[in-house]
């Protein structure tokens, strides 16, 4: 198979994944890089598992075992798809790379969280929105368990403080899922208090 044919196969695979609702921007970029690697290796016959493994484990600054495992997972999906049309294609088996162990999360104590919020409230400039924003953000994350990106992405319309129970609406987050996060009213009050300041500062 020529590299041009491989590029077309990648585009078909990516289009299929996108139609199924997956976010494939990074996958598409990686798979096109894989095709260029295959071309550089002057592979003329069927794609072998070793080629995929060599590509996934290519040395690169800042890419550790987790990055290699992620790359191999992406190319395995594509090669499985390709194998349906070209049975001679080899798909790397699972477990070819060591499992990545997630680091144990650090849990902040109540006193540490209070210290962080107090320090954030002293940020400069004092008359600006900055100290209120950071203090509120830290308290919100600590009290609700939101991811940092989720908390930053909240808008006024996502806060339902008058509902029973009061809750936050977190939209299109990890895996493009949405969810409701209930929170005690006293946890939401600092967020509500920041909103008028934010509106005033934007005028």
C-alpha atoms as a PDB file:
ATOM      1  CA  UNK A   1       0.000   0.000   0.000  1.00  0.00           C
ATOM      2  CA  UNK A   2       1.333   3.422  -0.935  1.00  0.00           C
ATOM      3  CA  UNK A   3       1.596   6.229   1.579  1.00  0.00           C
ATOM      4  CA  UNK A   4      -1.041   8.144  -0.344  1.00  0.00           C
ATOM      5  CA  UNK A   5      -3.429   5.226   0.196  1.00  0.00           C
ATOM      6  CA  UNK A   6      -2.497   5.174   3.882  1.00  0.00           C
ATOM      7  CA  UNK A   7      -3.288   8.870   4.210  1.00  0.00           C
ATOM      8  CA  UNK A   8      -6.694   8.224   2.645  1.00  0.00           C
ATOM      9  CA  UNK A   9      -7.270   5.356   5.069  1.00  0.00           C
ATOM     10  CA  UNK A  10      -6.377   7.647   7.963  1.00  0.00           C
ATOM     11  CA  UNK A  11      -8.854  10.269   6.743  1.00  0.00           C
ATOM     12  CA  UNK A  12     -11.605   7.644   6.452  1.00  0.00           C
ATOM     13  CA  UNK A  13     -10.842   6.317   9.935  1.00  0.00           C
ATOM     14  CA  UNK A  14     -10.774   9.797  11.460  1.00  0.00           C
ATOM     15  CA  UNK A  15     -14.035  10.745   9.722  1.00  0.00           C
ATOM     16  CA  UNK A  16     -15.677   7.601  11.083  1.00  0.00           C
ATOM     17  CA  UNK A  17     -14.484   8.359  14.616  1.00  0.00           C
ATOM     18  CA  UNK A  18     -15.651  11.956  14.341  1.00  0.00           C
ATOM     19  CA  UNK A  19     -19.081  10.838  13.113  1.00  0.00           C
ATOM     20  CA  UNK A  20     -19.346   8.625  16.207  1.00  0.00           C
ATOM     21  CA  UNK A  21     -18.813  11.671  18.426  1.00  0.00           C
ATOM     22  CA  UNK A  22     -15.126  11.355  19.269  1.00  0.00           C
ATOM     23  CA  UNK A  23     -12.765  14.321  19.402  1.00  0.00           C
ATOM     24  CA  UNK A  24     -10.033  13.221  17.019  1.00  0.00           C
ATOM     25  CA  UNK A  25      -7.860  16.298  16.489  1.00  0.00           C
ATOM     26  CA  UNK A  26      -4.821  14.854  18.252  1.00  0.00           C
ATOM     27  CA  UNK A  27      -5.443  11.361  16.830  1.00  0.00           C
ATOM     28  CA  UNK A  28      -5.456  12.678  13.280  1.00  0.00           C
ATOM     29  CA  UNK A  29      -2.192  14.514  13.829  1.00  0.00           C
ATOM     30  CA  UNK A  30      -0.520  11.445  15.356  1.00  0.00           C
ATOM     31  CA  UNK A  31      -1.731   9.061  12.667  1.00  0.00           C
ATOM     32  CA  UNK A  32      -0.508  11.317   9.870  1.00  0.00           C
ATOM     33  CA  UNK A  33       2.838  11.459  11.630  1.00  0.00           C
ATOM     34  CA  UNK A  34       2.799   7.645  11.739  1.00  0.00           C
ATOM     35  CA  UNK A  35       2.196   7.481   7.974  1.00  0.00           C
ATOM     36  CA  UNK A  36       5.142   9.810   7.394  1.00  0.00           C
ATOM     37  CA  UNK A  37       7.246   7.533   9.601  1.00  0.00           C
ATOM     38  CA  UNK A  38       6.195   4.496   7.546  1.00  0.00           C
ATOM     39  CA  UNK A  39       7.126   6.393   4.392  1.00  0.00           C
ATOM     40  CA  UNK A  40      10.539   7.292   5.810  1.00  0.00           C
ATOM     41  CA  UNK A  41      11.160   3.619   6.617  1.00  0.00           C
ATOM     42  CA  UNK A  42      10.394   2.800   2.964  1.00  0.00           C
ATOM     43  CA  UNK A  43       7.912   0.101   3.938  1.00  0.00           C
ATOM     44  CA  UNK A  44       6.470  -1.476   0.802  1.00  0.00           C
ATOM     45  CA  UNK A  45       4.660  -4.508   2.188  1.00  0.00           C
ATOM     46  CA  UNK A  46       2.033  -4.892   4.915  1.00  0.00           C
ATOM     47  CA  UNK A  47       2.492  -2.866   8.074  1.00  0.00           C
ATOM     48  CA  UNK A  48       4.108  -4.916  10.813  1.00  0.00           C
ATOM     49  CA  UNK A  49       3.590  -4.543  14.547  1.00  0.00           C
ATOM     50  CA  UNK A  50       7.254  -3.668  15.055  1.00  0.00           C
ATOM     51  CA  UNK A  51       6.896  -0.578  12.850  1.00  0.00           C
ATOM     52  CA  UNK A  52       4.059   0.681  15.036  1.00  0.00           C
ATOM     53  CA  UNK A  53       6.064  -0.028  18.183  1.00  0.00           C
ATOM     54  CA  UNK A  54       9.151   1.738  16.815  1.00  0.00           C
ATOM     55  CA  UNK A  55       7.062   4.799  15.969  1.00  0.00           C
ATOM     56  CA  UNK A  56       5.338   4.875  19.355  1.00  0.00           C
ATOM     57  CA  UNK A  57       8.680   4.651  21.189  1.00  0.00           C
ATOM     58  CA  UNK A  58      10.546   7.231  19.122  1.00  0.00           C
ATOM     59  CA  UNK A  59      12.752   9.302  21.452  1.00  0.00           C
ATOM     60  CA  UNK A  60      11.509  12.812  22.068  1.00  0.00           C
ATOM     61  CA  UNK A  61      12.213  15.375  24.823  1.00  0.00           C
ATOM     62  CA  UNK A  62       9.506  15.289  27.467  1.00  0.00           C
ATOM     63  CA  UNK A  63       7.832  12.126  26.171  1.00  0.00           C
ATOM     64  CA  UNK A  64       7.904   9.413  28.788  1.00  0.00           C
ATOM     65  CA  UNK A  65       6.323   6.004  29.046  1.00  0.00           C
ATOM     66  CA  UNK A  66       2.849   7.523  29.322  1.00  0.00           C
ATOM     67  CA  UNK A  67       3.301   9.319  26.001  1.00  0.00           C
ATOM     68  CA  UNK A  68       4.582   6.175  24.311  1.00  0.00           C
ATOM     69  CA  UNK A  69       1.649   4.160  25.616  1.00  0.00           C
ATOM     70  CA  UNK A  70      -0.802   6.805  24.387  1.00  0.00           C
ATOM     71  CA  UNK A  71       0.766   6.833  20.913  1.00  0.00           C
ATOM     72  CA  UNK A  72       0.667   3.044  20.703  1.00  0.00           C
ATOM     73  CA  UNK A  73      -2.990   3.023  21.718  1.00  0.00           C
ATOM     74  CA  UNK A  74      -3.849   5.470  18.929  1.00  0.00           C
ATOM     75  CA  UNK A  75      -2.022   3.517  16.242  1.00  0.00           C
ATOM     76  CA  UNK A  76      -3.457   0.206  17.466  1.00  0.00           C
ATOM     77  CA  UNK A  77      -6.957   1.534  16.892  1.00  0.00           C
ATOM     78  CA  UNK A  78      -6.115   2.599  13.363  1.00  0.00           C
ATOM     79  CA  UNK A  79      -4.345  -0.663  12.489  1.00  0.00           C
ATOM     80  CA  UNK A  80      -7.293  -2.690  13.791  1.00  0.00           C
ATOM     81  CA  UNK A  81      -9.500  -0.681  11.446  1.00  0.00           C
ATOM     82  CA  UNK A  82      -7.039  -1.195   8.587  1.00  0.00           C
ATOM     83  CA  UNK A  83      -6.792  -4.919   9.267  1.00  0.00           C
ATOM     84  CA  UNK A  84     -10.497  -5.348   8.442  1.00  0.00           C
ATOM     85  CA  UNK A  85      -9.720  -4.324   4.851  1.00  0.00           C
ATOM     86  CA  UNK A  86      -6.167  -5.673   4.747  1.00  0.00           C
ATOM     87  CA  UNK A  87      -5.947  -8.864   6.839  1.00  0.00           C
ATOM     88  CA  UNK A  88      -2.154  -9.041   6.488  1.00  0.00           C
ATOM     89  CA  UNK A  89      -1.813  -5.889   8.608  1.00  0.00           C
ATOM     90  CA  UNK A  90      -0.319  -6.637  12.027  1.00  0.00           C
ATOM     91  CA  UNK A  91      -1.773  -5.034  15.144  1.00  0.00           C
ATOM     92  CA  UNK A  92       0.499  -4.706  18.202  1.00  0.00           C
ATOM     93  CA  UNK A  93      -0.886  -6.788  21.027  1.00  0.00           C
ATOM     94  CA  UNK A  94      -1.870  -5.317  24.397  1.00  0.00           C
ATOM     95  CA  UNK A  95       0.770  -5.191  27.089  1.00  0.00           C
ATOM     96  CA  UNK A  96       3.725  -4.545  24.763  1.00  0.00           C
ATOM     97  CA  UNK A  97       4.651  -1.544  26.898  1.00  0.00           C
ATOM     98  CA  UNK A  98       4.767  -1.422  30.667  1.00  0.00           C
ATOM     99  CA  UNK A  99       1.663  -0.133  32.409  1.00  0.00           C
ATOM    100  CA  UNK A 100       1.774   3.473  33.506  1.00  0.00           C
ATOM    101  CA  UNK A 101       1.161   3.926  37.205  1.00  0.00           C
ATOM    102  CA  UNK A 102      -0.609   7.114  38.116  1.00  0.00           C
ATOM    103  CA  UNK A 103       1.062   9.097  40.880  1.00  0.00           C
ATOM    104  CA  UNK A 104      -0.734   9.070  44.202  1.00  0.00           C
ATOM    105  CA  UNK A 105      -2.740  12.296  44.508  1.00  0.00           C
ATOM    106  CA  UNK A 106      -1.885  14.713  47.264  1.00  0.00           C
ATOM    107  CA  UNK A 107      -4.839  15.599  49.488  1.00  0.00           C
ATOM    108  CA  UNK A 108      -4.812  19.045  51.036  1.00  0.00           C
ATOM    109  CA  UNK A 109      -5.986  19.365  54.615  1.00  0.00           C
ATOM    110  CA  UNK A 110      -8.696  21.833  55.585  1.00  0.00           C
ATOM    111  CA  UNK A 111      -6.070  24.054  57.203  1.00  0.00           C
ATOM    112  CA  UNK A 112      -3.922  24.045  54.045  1.00  0.00           C
ATOM    113  CA  UNK A 113      -6.926  24.977  51.898  1.00  0.00           C
ATOM    114  CA  UNK A 114      -7.836  27.827  54.218  1.00  0.00           C
ATOM    115  CA  UNK A 115      -4.218  29.029  54.085  1.00  0.00           C
ATOM    116  CA  UNK A 116      -4.269  28.948  50.276  1.00  0.00           C
ATOM    117  CA  UNK A 117      -7.529  30.912  50.142  1.00  0.00           C
ATOM    118  CA  UNK A 118      -6.191  33.480  52.606  1.00  0.00           C
ATOM    119  CA  UNK A 119      -2.998  33.883  50.559  1.00  0.00           C
ATOM    120  CA  UNK A 120      -4.980  34.200  47.319  1.00  0.00           C
ATOM    121  CA  UNK A 121      -7.120  36.955  48.829  1.00  0.00           C
ATOM    122  CA  UNK A 122      -3.957  39.031  49.370  1.00  0.00           C
ATOM    123  CA  UNK A 123      -2.945  38.985  45.716  1.00  0.00           C
ATOM    124  CA  UNK A 124      -2.318  42.325  44.076  1.00  0.00           C
ATOM    125  CA  UNK A 125      -3.602  44.663  42.884  1.00  0.00           C
ATOM    126  CA  UNK A 126      -5.872  44.805  45.926  1.00  0.00           C
ATOM    127  CA  UNK A 127      -8.686  46.785  44.313  1.00  0.00           C
ATOM    128  CA  UNK A 128      -8.877  44.428  41.336  1.00  0.00           C
ATOM    129  CA  UNK A 129     -10.933  41.321  40.676  1.00  0.00           C
ATOM    130  CA  UNK A 130      -7.829  39.106  40.832  1.00  0.00           C
ATOM    131  CA  UNK A 131      -7.704  38.282  44.585  1.00  0.00           C
ATOM    132  CA  UNK A 132     -11.469  37.597  44.708  1.00  0.00           C
ATOM    133  CA  UNK A 133     -11.290  35.373  41.631  1.00  0.00           C
ATOM    134  CA  UNK A 134      -8.425  33.188  42.831  1.00  0.00           C
ATOM    135  CA  UNK A 135      -9.748  32.851  46.384  1.00  0.00           C
ATOM    136  CA  UNK A 136     -13.188  31.882  45.053  1.00  0.00           C
ATOM    137  CA  UNK A 137     -11.735  29.468  42.498  1.00  0.00           C
ATOM    138  CA  UNK A 138      -9.702  27.596  45.101  1.00  0.00           C
ATOM    139  CA  UNK A 139     -12.672  27.365  47.466  1.00  0.00           C
ATOM    140  CA  UNK A 140     -14.981  26.190  44.690  1.00  0.00           C
ATOM    141  CA  UNK A 141     -12.620  23.429  43.561  1.00  0.00           C
ATOM    142  CA  UNK A 142     -12.012  22.279  47.127  1.00  0.00           C
ATOM    143  CA  UNK A 143     -15.715  22.160  48.029  1.00  0.00           C
ATOM    144  CA  UNK A 144     -17.094  20.605  44.831  1.00  0.00           C
ATOM    145  CA  UNK A 145     -14.285  18.462  43.428  1.00  0.00           C
ATOM    146  CA  UNK A 146     -14.435  20.181  40.045  1.00  0.00           C
ATOM    147  CA  UNK A 147     -11.482  19.891  37.705  1.00  0.00           C
ATOM    148  CA  UNK A 148      -9.537  23.128  37.262  1.00  0.00           C
ATOM    149  CA  UNK A 149     -10.640  23.447  33.609  1.00  0.00           C
ATOM    150  CA  UNK A 150     -14.263  22.866  34.622  1.00  0.00           C
ATOM    151  CA  UNK A 151     -14.181  25.569  37.284  1.00  0.00           C
ATOM    152  CA  UNK A 152     -12.533  28.069  34.928  1.00  0.00           C
ATOM    153  CA  UNK A 153     -15.084  27.303  32.224  1.00  0.00           C
ATOM    154  CA  UNK A 154     -18.145  28.050  34.381  1.00  0.00           C
ATOM    155  CA  UNK A 155     -20.401  30.931  33.387  1.00  0.00           C
ATOM    156  CA  UNK A 156     -23.135  32.744  35.309  1.00  0.00           C
ATOM    157  CA  UNK A 157     -25.781  30.708  33.472  1.00  0.00           C
ATOM    158  CA  UNK A 158     -24.193  27.484  34.768  1.00  0.00           C
ATOM    159  CA  UNK A 159     -24.924  28.446  38.405  1.00  0.00           C
ATOM    160  CA  UNK A 160     -28.366  27.579  39.739  1.00  0.00           C
ATOM    161  CA  UNK A 161     -28.215  29.044  43.222  1.00  0.00           C
ATOM    162  CA  UNK A 162     -31.989  29.376  43.684  1.00  0.00           C
ATOM    163  CA  UNK A 163     -32.653  25.712  42.907  1.00  0.00           C
ATOM    164  CA  UNK A 164     -33.269  23.132  45.624  1.00  0.00           C
ATOM    165  CA  UNK A 165     -30.639  21.890  46.080  1.00  0.00           C
ATOM    166  CA  UNK A 166     -28.386  24.585  44.678  1.00  0.00           C
ATOM    167  CA  UNK A 167     -26.132  23.186  41.973  1.00  0.00           C
ATOM    168  CA  UNK A 168     -23.711  23.919  39.174  1.00  0.00           C
ATOM    169  CA  UNK A 169     -24.172  22.755  35.596  1.00  0.00           C
ATOM    170  CA  UNK A 170     -20.878  21.530  34.150  1.00  0.00           C
ATOM    171  CA  UNK A 171     -21.144  21.261  30.356  1.00  0.00           C
ATOM    172  CA  UNK A 172     -19.146  19.297  27.780  1.00  0.00           C
ATOM    173  CA  UNK A 173     -16.203  18.297  29.977  1.00  0.00           C
ATOM    174  CA  UNK A 174     -14.097  15.132  29.872  1.00  0.00           C
ATOM    175  CA  UNK A 175     -15.313  12.745  27.159  1.00  0.00           C
ATOM    176  CA  UNK A 176     -17.740  15.550  26.128  1.00  0.00           C
ATOM    177  CA  UNK A 177     -20.100  14.688  28.983  1.00  0.00           C
ATOM    178  CA  UNK A 178     -22.170  17.104  31.041  1.00  0.00           C
ATOM    179  CA  UNK A 179     -23.241  16.759  34.665  1.00  0.00           C
ATOM    180  CA  UNK A 180     -24.837  18.537  37.602  1.00  0.00           C
ATOM    181  CA  UNK A 181     -22.727  19.183  40.682  1.00  0.00           C
ATOM    182  CA  UNK A 182     -24.706  19.851  43.836  1.00  0.00           C
ATOM    183  CA  UNK A 183     -23.180  22.223  46.332  1.00  0.00           C
ATOM    184  CA  UNK A 184     -24.261  23.734  49.618  1.00  0.00           C
ATOM    185  CA  UNK A 185     -25.458  27.308  49.220  1.00  0.00           C
ATOM    186  CA  UNK A 186     -22.614  28.655  51.352  1.00  0.00           C
ATOM    187  CA  UNK A 187     -20.162  27.167  48.856  1.00  0.00           C
ATOM    188  CA  UNK A 188     -21.832  29.009  45.966  1.00  0.00           C
ATOM    189  CA  UNK A 189     -22.172  32.379  47.679  1.00  0.00           C
ATOM    190  CA  UNK A 190     -18.557  33.464  47.047  1.00  0.00           C
ATOM    191  CA  UNK A 191     -19.059  32.676  43.339  1.00  0.00           C
ATOM    192  CA  UNK A 192     -22.230  34.749  43.271  1.00  0.00           C
ATOM    193  CA  UNK A 193     -20.440  37.569  45.050  1.00  0.00           C
ATOM    194  CA  UNK A 194     -17.694  37.696  42.416  1.00  0.00           C
ATOM    195  CA  UNK A 195     -20.171  38.063  39.538  1.00  0.00           C
ATOM    196  CA  UNK A 196     -21.234  41.667  40.255  1.00  0.00           C
ATOM    197  CA  UNK A 197     -17.577  42.642  40.625  1.00  0.00           C
ATOM    198  CA  UNK A 198     -16.775  40.967  37.302  1.00  0.00           C
ATOM    199  CA  UNK A 199     -19.606  42.848  35.558  1.00  0.00           C
ATOM    200  CA  UNK A 200     -18.514  46.119  37.111  1.00  0.00           C
ATOM    201  CA  UNK A 201     -14.886  45.607  36.050  1.00  0.00           C
ATOM    202  CA  UNK A 202     -15.914  44.934  32.462  1.00  0.00           C
ATOM    203  CA  UNK A 203     -17.799  48.222  32.121  1.00  0.00           C
END
